[in-house]
Amino acid sequence: MSSVMDSVNQRTQLVGENRLELLLFSLSSMQTFAINVFKVQEVVSLPRVSVLPGSHPSIVGVVNMRGKTIPVINLPQAIGMRPLVVSDKCNLIITEYNRTIQAFLVGEIDQIVNTTWENIQPPPSVAGRGHYLTAITQIERENRNSIVEIIDVEKVLAEIITYDTNISDGVLDKNIAHHMQGKKVLIVDDSSTARSLVNQTLTAVGIEVIQANDGLKALKLLKGWADEGKTVTDEILMMITDAEMPEMDGYKLTSEIRSDPRMSDLYIALNTSLSGSFNDAMAEKVGCNIFISKFQPDKLVEVVQDCLRDRLPHLKI
C-alpha cells in the first residue's frame, strides 16, 4: 500500500483529455469502490481519532493532520452500508471537495488505475447504495472483469454539510434582474446533487434550467439544435459544466463545442469541486470562459449576470 500512498500526490497533478485516474479501495464488503485521484490529497494509515460529541452520525471524530483538524467520515455508513469499526486495519483518504477538506474512513487501499471517461458508465437505477454512486466501470482482475463503483462524494457531503443555495443581499443586479427572467442555462453534471444545488440557485432568479448528466448527452443536445438550423446561443444563454463526467468530461465537451463553428461562441463556465491550479490552466486551454469552484451561489449568479451583460451591451454599467 505504501507505493500507492507515495504516488497519490504526484498523480493528482496529472491532467489528461477525457481521462482520469481512480483510487480503488474496499469498505466493509468485497465490492471495490473508487474516487477520482484528482480529489485526493493523500492516503494515510489511521491515526488517533478524537471523538466529536454532537456531530453527524457518519462522522466518527476528527484527526489532526499537519496542524489542521479534519473531520473523519465513516464512508460505508454514509452510503447506507454497515459502518466500519474503527481499528488499525482502517485507512484514511484525505480529500478536498468544494473548498473543504475531509477524511474518509475506508478499509483496504487497493491500487490506482488509469482509464478514460468513455469507459465510465452511469450507475443502474437501483435502490440502496446505488443512490450514492455517480458512475461505474470495469477493471480486469485475474482474467476477469470486476465492477468498480464510483462514489458520488458530493451527495455524501451534501447530507452531512448543509450547502446554502441562497443569494446574498446585493448580489442580484436590479437593473438587469428582469432580463434574466426566462433565459435558459444548460447545466451539465453527473451528480444529481450538484445539478439540484445549481438549479435551486438559478431558478430563484428566474433562470430556466436544462439539465444533462454527462458531457456526451450535452454535446448531442447542442449539435441537435445546430443540425435543426437553430442558433445555439438563441436557445441558451450559457452552459455550466462539471469537469469530470461519464463518457465525456467537461474539458473534452468544451473543446468539441469550440471546434464547431455553429456553437463556438457559446459562453461556458467550468463549475467543479476539483481543486488545484490545473483547473484554471485547463479551462483556458480548452476555451472555457471562466472557472467556478463549487458551491458558490453568489458567484454563479454573478457569472450569469456578466454573461447577460456581454450578450446585451446596453446593460453594462
C-alpha atoms as a PDB file:
ATOM      1  CA  MET A   1       0.000   0.000   0.000  1.00  0.00           C
ATOM      2  CA  SER A   2       2.956   2.324   0.622  1.00  0.00           C
ATOM      3  CA  SER A   3       3.662   2.584  -3.109  1.00  0.00           C
ATOM      4  CA  VAL A   4       0.069   3.678  -3.676  1.00  0.00           C
ATOM      5  CA  MET A   5       0.339   6.296  -0.944  1.00  0.00           C
ATOM      6  CA  ASP A   6       3.645   7.617  -2.281  1.00  0.00           C
ATOM      7  CA  SER A   7       2.238   8.145  -5.767  1.00  0.00           C
ATOM      8  CA  VAL A   8      -1.098   9.776  -4.946  1.00  0.00           C
ATOM      9  CA  ASN A   9       0.201  13.313  -4.554  1.00  0.00           C
ATOM     10  CA  GLN A  10       2.114  13.206  -7.836  1.00  0.00           C
ATOM     11  CA  ARG A  11      -0.827  11.755  -9.720  1.00  0.00           C
ATOM     12  CA  THR A  12      -3.187  14.491  -8.501  1.00  0.00           C
ATOM     13  CA  GLN A  13      -1.171  16.900 -10.624  1.00  0.00           C
ATOM     14  CA  LEU A  14      -1.798  14.952 -13.843  1.00  0.00           C
ATOM     15  CA  VAL A  15      -4.259  16.348 -16.315  1.00  0.00           C
ATOM     16  CA  GLY A  16      -5.417  14.478 -19.418  1.00  0.00           C
ATOM     17  CA  GLU A  17      -8.057  14.989 -22.024  1.00  0.00           C
ATOM     18  CA  ASN A  18     -11.131  12.896 -21.255  1.00  0.00           C
ATOM     19  CA  ARG A  19      -9.135  10.639 -18.938  1.00  0.00           C
ATOM     20  CA  LEU A  20      -8.981  10.057 -15.226  1.00  0.00           C
ATOM     21  CA  GLU A  21      -7.253   8.013 -12.584  1.00  0.00           C
ATOM     22  CA  LEU A  22      -9.201   6.212  -9.899  1.00  0.00           C
ATOM     23  CA  LEU A  23      -8.083   5.289  -6.409  1.00  0.00           C
ATOM     24  CA  LEU A  24      -9.611   1.892  -5.627  1.00  0.00           C
ATOM     25  CA  PHE A  25     -10.445   0.746  -2.110  1.00  0.00           C
ATOM     26  CA  SER A  26     -12.715  -1.567  -0.156  1.00  0.00           C
ATOM     27  CA  LEU A  27     -15.251  -0.776   2.530  1.00  0.00           C
ATOM     28  CA  SER A  28     -16.897  -3.441   4.667  1.00  0.00           C
ATOM     29  CA  SER A  29     -17.573  -5.783   1.765  1.00  0.00           C
ATOM     30  CA  MET A  30     -15.726  -7.459  -1.079  1.00  0.00           C
ATOM     31  CA  GLN A  31     -17.004  -4.856  -3.551  1.00  0.00           C
ATOM     32  CA  THR A  32     -14.484  -2.372  -4.947  1.00  0.00           C
ATOM     33  CA  PHE A  33     -15.165   1.352  -4.715  1.00  0.00           C
ATOM     34  CA  ALA A  34     -13.325   4.338  -6.145  1.00  0.00           C
ATOM     35  CA  ILE A  35     -12.921   8.098  -6.180  1.00  0.00           C
ATOM     36  CA  ASN A  36     -11.076  10.338  -8.618  1.00  0.00           C
ATOM     37  CA  VAL A  37      -7.400  10.714  -7.696  1.00  0.00           C
ATOM     38  CA  PHE A  38      -7.573  14.408  -8.606  1.00  0.00           C
ATOM     39  CA  LYS A  39      -9.584  14.933  -5.421  1.00  0.00           C
ATOM     40  CA  VAL A  40      -7.189  13.029  -3.170  1.00  0.00           C
ATOM     41  CA  GLN A  41      -4.599  14.908  -1.150  1.00  0.00           C
ATOM     42  CA  GLU A  42      -3.059  11.860   0.497  1.00  0.00           C
ATOM     43  CA  VAL A  43      -3.748   8.396   1.856  1.00  0.00           C
ATOM     44  CA  VAL A  44      -2.628   7.514   5.383  1.00  0.00           C
ATOM     45  CA  SER A  45      -2.940   4.712   7.891  1.00  0.00           C
ATOM     46  CA  LEU A  46      -5.486   5.587  10.546  1.00  0.00           C
ATOM     47  CA  PRO A  47      -4.010   7.991  13.141  1.00  0.00           C
ATOM     48  CA  ARG A  48      -5.577   8.679  16.531  1.00  0.00           C
ATOM     49  CA  VAL A  49      -9.185   9.816  16.157  1.00  0.00           C
ATOM     50  CA  SER A  50     -10.705  12.239  18.664  1.00  0.00           C
ATOM     51  CA  VAL A  51     -14.429  11.850  19.244  1.00  0.00           C
ATOM     52  CA  LEU A  52     -16.540  14.879  18.330  1.00  0.00           C
ATOM     53  CA  PRO A  53     -19.678  14.921  20.510  1.00  0.00           C
ATOM     54  CA  GLY A  54     -22.875  16.060  18.854  1.00  0.00           C
ATOM     55  CA  SER A  55     -21.595  15.588  15.316  1.00  0.00           C
ATOM     56  CA  HIS A  56     -23.378  13.932  12.399  1.00  0.00           C
ATOM     57  CA  PRO A  57     -23.809  10.138  12.919  1.00  0.00           C
ATOM     58  CA  SER A  58     -21.489   9.401   9.986  1.00  0.00           C
ATOM     59  CA  ILE A  59     -18.666  11.470  11.479  1.00  0.00           C
ATOM     60  CA  VAL A  60     -16.615   9.263  13.779  1.00  0.00           C
ATOM     61  CA  GLY A  61     -14.420  12.097  15.020  1.00  0.00           C
ATOM     62  CA  VAL A  62     -11.572  14.325  13.919  1.00  0.00           C
ATOM     63  CA  VAL A  63      -7.861  13.876  13.262  1.00  0.00           C
ATOM     64  CA  ASN A  64      -5.070  16.413  13.373  1.00  0.00           C
ATOM     65  CA  MET A  65      -3.050  16.430  10.152  1.00  0.00           C
ATOM     66  CA  ARG A  66      -0.222  18.945   9.806  1.00  0.00           C
ATOM     67  CA  GLY A  67      -1.881  21.380  12.143  1.00  0.00           C
ATOM     68  CA  LYS A  68      -5.347  21.041  10.578  1.00  0.00           C
ATOM     69  CA  THR A  69      -8.342  19.484  12.288  1.00  0.00           C
ATOM     70  CA  ILE A  70     -10.077  17.263   9.747  1.00  0.00           C
ATOM     71  CA  PRO A  71     -13.450  15.525  10.188  1.00  0.00           C
ATOM     72  CA  VAL A  72     -13.433  11.764   9.619  1.00  0.00           C
ATOM     73  CA  ILE A  73     -16.446  10.371   7.755  1.00  0.00           C
ATOM     74  CA  ASN A  74     -17.272   6.672   8.080  1.00  0.00           C
ATOM     75  CA  LEU A  75     -17.812   6.222   4.353  1.00  0.00           C
ATOM     76  CA  PRO A  76     -19.732   2.919   4.341  1.00  0.00           C
ATOM     77  CA  GLN A  77     -22.107   4.272   6.966  1.00  0.00           C
ATOM     78  CA  ALA A  78     -22.592   7.466   4.937  1.00  0.00           C
ATOM     79  CA  ILE A  79     -23.722   5.464   1.894  1.00  0.00           C
ATOM     80  CA  GLY A  80     -26.082   3.169   3.779  1.00  0.00           C
ATOM     81  CA  MET A  81     -23.803   0.222   4.470  1.00  0.00           C
ATOM     82  CA  ARG A  82     -22.679  -1.343   7.733  1.00  0.00           C
ATOM     83  CA  PRO A  83     -20.290   1.121   9.451  1.00  0.00           C
ATOM     84  CA  LEU A  84     -16.614   0.287   9.601  1.00  0.00           C
ATOM     85  CA  VAL A  85     -15.309  -0.482  13.067  1.00  0.00           C
ATOM     86  CA  VAL A  86     -12.521   1.977  13.787  1.00  0.00           C
ATOM     87  CA  SER A  87      -9.302  -0.048  14.076  1.00  0.00           C
ATOM     88  CA  ASP A  88      -5.702  -0.103  12.927  1.00  0.00           C
ATOM     89  CA  LYS A  89      -6.864  -2.000   9.843  1.00  0.00           C
ATOM     90  CA  CYS A  90      -8.608   1.116   8.553  1.00  0.00           C
ATOM     91  CA  ASN A  91      -7.133   3.815   6.331  1.00  0.00           C
ATOM     92  CA  LEU A  92      -7.980   7.444   5.654  1.00  0.00           C
ATOM     93  CA  ILE A  93      -8.362   9.051   2.261  1.00  0.00           C
ATOM     94  CA  ILE A  94      -7.821  12.790   2.728  1.00  0.00           C
ATOM     95  CA  THR A  95      -9.728  14.732   0.078  1.00  0.00           C
ATOM     96  CA  GLU A  96     -10.602  18.270  -0.883  1.00  0.00           C
ATOM     97  CA  TYR A  97     -14.067  18.909  -2.260  1.00  0.00           C
ATOM     98  CA  ASN A  98     -15.769  22.241  -2.740  1.00  0.00           C
ATOM     99  CA  ARG A  99     -13.037  24.093  -0.841  1.00  0.00           C
ATOM    100  CA  THR A 100     -13.341  21.843   2.241  1.00  0.00           C
ATOM    101  CA  ILE A 101     -11.001  19.124   3.491  1.00  0.00           C
ATOM    102  CA  GLN A 102     -12.337  15.863   4.913  1.00  0.00           C
ATOM    103  CA  ALA A 103     -11.111  12.335   5.553  1.00  0.00           C
ATOM    104  CA  PHE A 104     -12.984   9.212   4.521  1.00  0.00           C
ATOM    105  CA  LEU A 105     -12.605   6.131   6.684  1.00  0.00           C
ATOM    106  CA  VAL A 106     -12.157   3.114   4.405  1.00  0.00           C
ATOM    107  CA  GLY A 107     -10.830  -0.416   4.566  1.00  0.00           C
ATOM    108  CA  GLU A 108      -8.010  -1.708   2.412  1.00  0.00           C
ATOM    109  CA  ILE A 109      -6.424   0.539  -0.197  1.00  0.00           C
ATOM    110  CA  ASP A 110      -6.169  -1.346  -3.471  1.00  0.00           C
ATOM    111  CA  GLN A 111      -4.481   0.436  -6.366  1.00  0.00           C
ATOM    112  CA  ILE A 112      -4.659   3.343  -8.775  1.00  0.00           C
ATOM    113  CA  VAL A 113      -5.993   2.637 -12.264  1.00  0.00           C
ATOM    114  CA  ASN A 114      -5.800   4.840 -15.327  1.00  0.00           C
ATOM    115  CA  THR A 115      -8.844   4.934 -17.594  1.00  0.00           C
ATOM    116  CA  THR A 116     -10.890   7.274 -19.772  1.00  0.00           C
ATOM    117  CA  TRP A 117     -14.297   8.786 -19.216  1.00  0.00           C
ATOM    118  CA  GLU A 118     -15.505   6.822 -22.228  1.00  0.00           C
ATOM    119  CA  ASN A 119     -15.176   3.679 -20.081  1.00  0.00           C
ATOM    120  CA  ILE A 120     -17.206   5.176 -17.238  1.00  0.00           C
ATOM    121  CA  GLN A 121     -20.949   4.491 -17.276  1.00  0.00           C
ATOM    122  CA  PRO A 122     -23.832   5.937 -15.252  1.00  0.00           C
ATOM    123  CA  PRO A 123     -24.924   3.666 -12.395  1.00  0.00           C
ATOM    124  CA  PRO A 124     -28.003   1.452 -12.787  1.00  0.00           C
ATOM    125  CA  SER A 125     -31.217   2.777 -11.309  1.00  0.00           C
ATOM    126  CA  VAL A 126     -31.331   0.705  -8.148  1.00  0.00           C
ATOM    127  CA  ALA A 127     -32.099   1.265  -4.502  1.00  0.00           C
ATOM    128  CA  GLY A 128     -29.640   1.183  -1.630  1.00  0.00           C
ATOM    129  CA  ARG A 129     -26.124   2.443  -2.131  1.00  0.00           C
ATOM    130  CA  GLY A 130     -26.826   2.930  -5.854  1.00  0.00           C
ATOM    131  CA  HIS A 131     -28.146   6.341  -4.889  1.00  0.00           C
ATOM    132  CA  TYR A 132     -24.643   7.227  -3.715  1.00  0.00           C
ATOM    133  CA  LEU A 133     -22.881   6.269  -6.925  1.00  0.00           C
ATOM    134  CA  THR A 134     -22.037   8.722  -9.650  1.00  0.00           C
ATOM    135  CA  ALA A 135     -20.792   6.071 -12.080  1.00  0.00           C
ATOM    136  CA  ILE A 136     -19.484   2.527 -12.507  1.00  0.00           C
ATOM    137  CA  THR A 137     -16.681   1.000 -14.541  1.00  0.00           C
ATOM    138  CA  GLN A 138     -14.930  -2.321 -15.003  1.00  0.00           C
ATOM    139  CA  ILE A 139     -11.328  -3.357 -14.468  1.00  0.00           C
ATOM    140  CA  GLU A 140      -9.662  -6.616 -15.314  1.00  0.00           C
ATOM    141  CA  ARG A 141      -8.606  -8.783 -12.373  1.00  0.00           C
ATOM    142  CA  GLU A 142      -7.155 -12.257 -12.763  1.00  0.00           C
ATOM    143  CA  ASN A 143      -8.513 -12.595 -16.309  1.00  0.00           C
ATOM    144  CA  ARG A 144     -11.996 -11.465 -15.388  1.00  0.00           C
ATOM    145  CA  ASN A 145     -13.811  -8.143 -15.307  1.00  0.00           C
ATOM    146  CA  SER A 146     -14.584  -6.663 -11.913  1.00  0.00           C
ATOM    147  CA  ILE A 147     -17.158  -3.922 -11.308  1.00  0.00           C
ATOM    148  CA  VAL A 148     -15.910  -0.734  -9.654  1.00  0.00           C
ATOM    149  CA  GLU A 149     -18.444   1.619  -8.058  1.00  0.00           C
ATOM    150  CA  ILE A 150     -17.507   5.316  -8.106  1.00  0.00           C
ATOM    151  CA  ILE A 151     -18.810   7.211  -5.092  1.00  0.00           C
ATOM    152  CA  ASP A 152     -20.882  10.389  -5.545  1.00  0.00           C
ATOM    153  CA  VAL A 153     -18.945  12.262  -2.889  1.00  0.00           C
ATOM    154  CA  GLU A 154     -20.910  15.452  -3.474  1.00  0.00           C
ATOM    155  CA  LYS A 155     -24.103  13.666  -2.444  1.00  0.00           C
ATOM    156  CA  VAL A 156     -22.397  12.176   0.607  1.00  0.00           C
ATOM    157  CA  LEU A 157     -21.148  15.583   1.719  1.00  0.00           C
ATOM    158  CA  ALA A 158     -24.450  17.324   0.980  1.00  0.00           C
ATOM    159  CA  GLU A 159     -26.134  15.029   3.515  1.00  0.00           C
ATOM    160  CA  ILE A 160     -23.551  15.912   6.152  1.00  0.00           C
ATOM    161  CA  ILE A 161     -22.756  19.532   5.322  1.00  0.00           C
ATOM    162  CA  THR A 162     -25.589  21.966   4.681  1.00  0.00           C
ATOM    163  CA  TYR A 163     -24.978  23.879   1.447  1.00  0.00           C
ATOM    164  CA  ASP A 164     -26.720  27.233   1.267  1.00  0.00           C
ATOM    165  CA  THR A 165     -28.170  27.942  -2.183  1.00  0.00           C
ATOM    166  CA  ASN A 166     -29.474  31.372  -1.194  1.00  0.00           C
ATOM    167  CA  ILE A 167     -28.041  34.507  -2.766  1.00  0.00           C
ATOM    168  CA  SER A 168     -26.537  37.208  -0.575  1.00  0.00           C
ATOM    169  CA  ASP A 169     -28.091  40.653  -0.434  1.00  0.00           C
ATOM    170  CA  GLY A 170     -26.701  42.975  -3.064  1.00  0.00           C
ATOM    171  CA  VAL A 171     -25.529  40.251  -5.469  1.00  0.00           C
ATOM    172  CA  LEU A 172     -28.521  40.418  -7.786  1.00  0.00           C
ATOM    173  CA  ASP A 173     -28.279  43.486 -10.035  1.00  0.00           C
ATOM    174  CA  LYS A 174     -31.742  45.004 -10.010  1.00  0.00           C
ATOM    175  CA  ASN A 175     -31.005  46.835 -13.252  1.00  0.00           C
ATOM    176  CA  ILE A 176     -30.832  43.570 -15.192  1.00  0.00           C
ATOM    177  CA  ALA A 177     -32.827  41.187 -12.989  1.00  0.00           C
ATOM    178  CA  HIS A 178     -35.892  41.340 -15.236  1.00  0.00           C
ATOM    179  CA  HIS A 179     -33.749  40.489 -18.270  1.00  0.00           C
ATOM    180  CA  MET A 180     -32.861  37.170 -16.612  1.00  0.00           C
ATOM    181  CA  GLN A 181     -36.463  36.019 -16.495  1.00  0.00           C
ATOM    182  CA  GLY A 182     -36.971  33.073 -18.848  1.00  0.00           C
ATOM    183  CA  LYS A 183     -33.350  32.917 -20.006  1.00  0.00           C
ATOM    184  CA  LYS A 184     -32.170  29.306 -20.281  1.00  0.00           C
ATOM    185  CA  VAL A 185     -28.953  27.813 -18.938  1.00  0.00           C
ATOM    186  CA  LEU A 186     -27.670  24.300 -19.660  1.00  0.00           C
ATOM    187  CA  ILE A 187     -26.283  22.551 -16.560  1.00  0.00           C
ATOM    188  CA  VAL A 188     -24.072  19.523 -17.238  1.00  0.00           C
ATOM    189  CA  ASP A 189     -23.099  17.405 -14.223  1.00  0.00           C
ATOM    190  CA  ASP A 190     -23.197  13.700 -13.415  1.00  0.00           C
ATOM    191  CA  SER A 191     -24.077  14.372  -9.768  1.00  0.00           C
ATOM    192  CA  SER A 192     -27.818  14.851  -9.237  1.00  0.00           C
ATOM    193  CA  THR A 193     -26.983  16.691  -6.016  1.00  0.00           C
ATOM    194  CA  ALA A 194     -24.728  19.157  -7.825  1.00  0.00           C
ATOM    195  CA  ARG A 195     -27.345  19.760 -10.521  1.00  0.00           C
ATOM    196  CA  SER A 196     -30.006  20.305  -7.892  1.00  0.00           C
ATOM    197  CA  LEU A 197     -27.934  22.877  -5.987  1.00  0.00           C
ATOM    198  CA  VAL A 198     -27.173  24.895  -9.115  1.00  0.00           C
ATOM    199  CA  ASN A 199     -30.792  24.573 -10.226  1.00  0.00           C
ATOM    200  CA  GLN A 200     -32.080  25.939  -6.914  1.00  0.00           C
ATOM    201  CA  THR A 201     -29.827  28.971  -7.124  1.00  0.00           C
ATOM    202  CA  LEU A 202     -30.584  29.873 -10.725  1.00  0.00           C
ATOM    203  CA  THR A 203     -34.338  29.255 -10.723  1.00  0.00           C
ATOM    204  CA  ALA A 204     -34.582  31.626  -7.759  1.00  0.00           C
ATOM    205  CA  VAL A 205     -33.531  34.471 -10.067  1.00  0.00           C
ATOM    206  CA  GLY A 206     -35.842  33.453 -12.907  1.00  0.00           C
ATOM    207  CA  ILE A 207     -33.451  31.358 -14.989  1.00  0.00           C
ATOM    208  CA  GLU A 208     -34.879  28.267 -16.696  1.00  0.00           C
ATOM    209  CA  VAL A 209     -32.566  25.284 -16.325  1.00  0.00           C
ATOM    210  CA  ILE A 210     -31.943  22.480 -18.825  1.00  0.00           C
ATOM    211  CA  GLN A 211     -30.050  19.521 -17.354  1.00  0.00           C
ATOM    212  CA  ALA A 212     -27.751  16.846 -18.772  1.00  0.00           C
ATOM    213  CA  ASN A 213     -25.954  14.247 -16.659  1.00  0.00           C
ATOM    214  CA  ASP A 214     -22.918  13.761 -18.873  1.00  0.00           C
ATOM    215  CA  GLY A 215     -20.902  15.638 -21.468  1.00  0.00           C
ATOM    216  CA  LEU A 216     -21.850  13.432 -24.400  1.00  0.00           C
ATOM    217  CA  LYS A 217     -25.578  13.985 -23.842  1.00  0.00           C
ATOM    218  CA  ALA A 218     -24.985  17.719 -23.649  1.00  0.00           C
ATOM    219  CA  LEU A 219     -22.990  17.707 -26.873  1.00  0.00           C
ATOM    220  CA  LYS A 220     -25.700  15.707 -28.678  1.00  0.00           C
ATOM    221  CA  LEU A 221     -28.304  18.208 -27.469  1.00  0.00           C
ATOM    222  CA  LEU A 222     -26.314  21.184 -28.739  1.00  0.00           C
ATOM    223  CA  LYS A 223     -25.465  19.530 -32.061  1.00  0.00           C
ATOM    224  CA  GLY A 224     -29.118  18.554 -32.435  1.00  0.00           C
ATOM    225  CA  TRP A 225     -30.169  22.185 -32.207  1.00  0.00           C
ATOM    226  CA  ALA A 226     -27.480  23.178 -34.716  1.00  0.00           C
ATOM    227  CA  ASP A 227     -28.497  20.391 -37.107  1.00  0.00           C
ATOM    228  CA  GLU A 228     -32.067  21.696 -36.981  1.00  0.00           C
ATOM    229  CA  GLY A 229     -30.822  25.099 -38.088  1.00  0.00           C
ATOM    230  CA  LYS A 230     -31.253  26.697 -34.663  1.00  0.00           C
ATOM    231  CA  THR A 231     -28.761  29.172 -33.244  1.00  0.00           C
ATOM    232  CA  VAL A 232     -27.432  27.623 -30.060  1.00  0.00           C
ATOM    233  CA  THR A 233     -26.921  30.976 -28.348  1.00  0.00           C
ATOM    234  CA  ASP A 234     -30.599  31.742 -29.001  1.00  0.00           C
ATOM    235  CA  GLU A 235     -31.601  28.502 -27.270  1.00  0.00           C
ATOM    236  CA  ILE A 236     -29.472  29.018 -24.159  1.00  0.00           C
ATOM    237  CA  LEU A 237     -27.697  31.937 -22.546  1.00  0.00           C
ATOM    238  CA  MET A 238     -24.742  29.822 -21.421  1.00  0.00           C
ATOM    239  CA  MET A 239     -23.582  26.379 -20.307  1.00  0.00           C
ATOM    240  CA  ILE A 240     -22.329  25.474 -16.823  1.00  0.00           C
ATOM    241  CA  THR A 241     -20.430  22.192 -16.865  1.00  0.00           C
ATOM    242  CA  ASP A 242     -18.682  19.931 -14.393  1.00  0.00           C
ATOM    243  CA  ALA A 243     -15.165  18.734 -15.237  1.00  0.00           C
ATOM    244  CA  GLU A 244     -15.459  15.001 -14.534  1.00  0.00           C
ATOM    245  CA  MET A 245     -18.373  13.073 -16.027  1.00  0.00           C
ATOM    246  CA  PRO A 246     -19.033   9.664 -17.610  1.00  0.00           C
ATOM    247  CA  GLU A 247     -18.394   9.200 -21.326  1.00  0.00           C
ATOM    248  CA  MET A 248     -17.174  12.767 -21.922  1.00  0.00           C
ATOM    249  CA  ASP A 249     -15.652  15.144 -19.390  1.00  0.00           C
ATOM    250  CA  GLY A 250     -16.152  18.893 -19.281  1.00  0.00           C
ATOM    251  CA  TYR A 251     -12.788  19.638 -20.854  1.00  0.00           C
ATOM    252  CA  LYS A 252     -13.499  17.449 -23.887  1.00  0.00           C
ATOM    253  CA  LEU A 253     -17.053  18.802 -24.123  1.00  0.00           C
ATOM    254  CA  THR A 254     -15.775  22.376 -24.206  1.00  0.00           C
ATOM    255  CA  SER A 255     -13.135  21.502 -26.791  1.00  0.00           C
ATOM    256  CA  GLU A 256     -15.775  19.886 -29.029  1.00  0.00           C
ATOM    257  CA  ILE A 257     -18.018  22.951 -28.755  1.00  0.00           C
ATOM    258  CA  ARG A 258     -15.194  25.347 -29.572  1.00  0.00           C
ATOM    259  CA  SER A 259     -14.268  23.307 -32.660  1.00  0.00           C
ATOM    260  CA  ASP A 260     -17.801  23.549 -34.088  1.00  0.00           C
ATOM    261  CA  PRO A 261     -18.339  26.979 -35.733  1.00  0.00           C
ATOM    262  CA  ARG A 262     -22.094  26.631 -35.248  1.00  0.00           C
ATOM    263  CA  MET A 263     -21.712  26.933 -31.472  1.00  0.00           C
ATOM    264  CA  SER A 264     -18.141  28.036 -30.871  1.00  0.00           C
ATOM    265  CA  ASP A 265     -19.200  31.355 -29.326  1.00  0.00           C
ATOM    266  CA  LEU A 266     -21.256  29.738 -26.538  1.00  0.00           C
ATOM    267  CA  TYR A 267     -20.369  31.097 -23.087  1.00  0.00           C
ATOM    268  CA  ILE A 268     -19.052  28.199 -20.962  1.00  0.00           C
ATOM    269  CA  ALA A 269     -18.398  28.147 -17.211  1.00  0.00           C
ATOM    270  CA  LEU A 270     -16.459  25.234 -15.730  1.00  0.00           C
ATOM    271  CA  ASN A 271     -18.056  24.502 -12.346  1.00  0.00           C
ATOM    272  CA  THR A 272     -16.189  21.809 -10.448  1.00  0.00           C
ATOM    273  CA  SER A 273     -15.254  20.560  -6.999  1.00  0.00           C
ATOM    274  CA  LEU A 274     -11.777  19.661  -8.246  1.00  0.00           C
ATOM    275  CA  SER A 275      -9.010  21.705  -6.652  1.00  0.00           C
ATOM    276  CA  GLY A 276      -5.658  22.874  -7.919  1.00  0.00           C
ATOM    277  CA  SER A 277      -4.192  25.399 -10.305  1.00  0.00           C
ATOM    278  CA  PHE A 278      -4.593  22.954 -13.194  1.00  0.00           C
ATOM    279  CA  ASN A 279      -8.289  23.879 -13.369  1.00  0.00           C
ATOM    280  CA  ASP A 280      -7.533  27.435 -14.450  1.00  0.00           C
ATOM    281  CA  ALA A 281      -4.893  26.215 -16.895  1.00  0.00           C
ATOM    282  CA  MET A 282      -7.156  23.564 -18.410  1.00  0.00           C
ATOM    283  CA  ALA A 283     -10.138  25.921 -18.550  1.00  0.00           C
ATOM    284  CA  GLU A 284      -8.011  28.364 -20.530  1.00  0.00           C
ATOM    285  CA  LYS A 285      -6.520  25.629 -22.723  1.00  0.00           C
ATOM    286  CA  VAL A 286      -9.855  24.213 -23.891  1.00  0.00           C
ATOM    287  CA  GLY A 287     -11.557  27.597 -24.062  1.00  0.00           C
ATOM    288  CA  CYS A 288     -13.836  27.909 -21.035  1.00  0.00           C
ATOM    289  CA  ASN A 289     -14.787  31.496 -20.302  1.00  0.00           C
ATOM    290  CA  ILE A 290     -14.457  31.110 -16.548  1.00  0.00           C
ATOM    291  CA  PHE A 291     -13.752  28.593 -13.782  1.00  0.00           C
ATOM    292  CA  ILE A 292     -16.048  28.435 -10.734  1.00  0.00           C
ATOM    293  CA  SER A 293     -15.329  26.293  -7.695  1.00  0.00           C
ATOM    294  CA  LYS A 294     -18.410  24.560  -6.238  1.00  0.00           C
ATOM    295  CA  PHE A 295     -20.700  25.508  -4.481  1.00  0.00           C
ATOM    296  CA  GLN A 296     -20.842  29.292  -4.634  1.00  0.00           C
ATOM    297  CA  PRO A 297     -24.354  30.607  -5.320  1.00  0.00           C
ATOM    298  CA  ASP A 298     -23.266  34.249  -5.319  1.00  0.00           C
ATOM    299  CA  LYS A 299     -20.532  33.529  -7.857  1.00  0.00           C
ATOM    300  CA  LEU A 300     -22.938  31.569 -10.066  1.00  0.00           C
ATOM    301  CA  VAL A 301     -25.363  34.479 -10.214  1.00  0.00           C
ATOM    302  CA  GLU A 302     -22.544  36.958 -10.837  1.00  0.00           C
ATOM    303  CA  VAL A 303     -21.278  34.858 -13.765  1.00  0.00           C
ATOM    304  CA  VAL A 304     -24.765  34.605 -15.284  1.00  0.00           C
ATOM    305  CA  GLN A 305     -25.199  38.357 -14.931  1.00  0.00           C
ATOM    306  CA  ASP A 306     -21.809  39.019 -16.546  1.00  0.00           C
ATOM    307  CA  CYS A 307     -22.735  36.716 -19.429  1.00  0.00           C
ATOM    308  CA  LEU A 308     -26.022  38.559 -19.890  1.00  0.00           C
ATOM    309  CA  ARG A 309     -24.227  41.906 -19.893  1.00  0.00           C
ATOM    310  CA  ASP A 310     -21.908  40.622 -22.625  1.00  0.00           C
ATOM    311  CA  ARG A 311     -24.938  39.480 -24.623  1.00  0.00           C
ATOM    312  CA  LEU A 312     -26.763  42.778 -24.088  1.00  0.00           C
ATOM    313  CA  PRO A 313     -24.082  45.517 -24.097  1.00  0.00           C
ATOM    314  CA  HIS A 314     -26.562  48.252 -23.220  1.00  0.00           C
ATOM    315  CA  LEU A 315     -26.869  46.641 -19.752  1.00  0.00           C
ATOM    316  CA  LYS A 316     -23.208  47.254 -18.920  1.00  0.00           C
ATOM    317  CA  ILE A 317     -22.603  49.831 -16.253  1.00  0.00           C
END
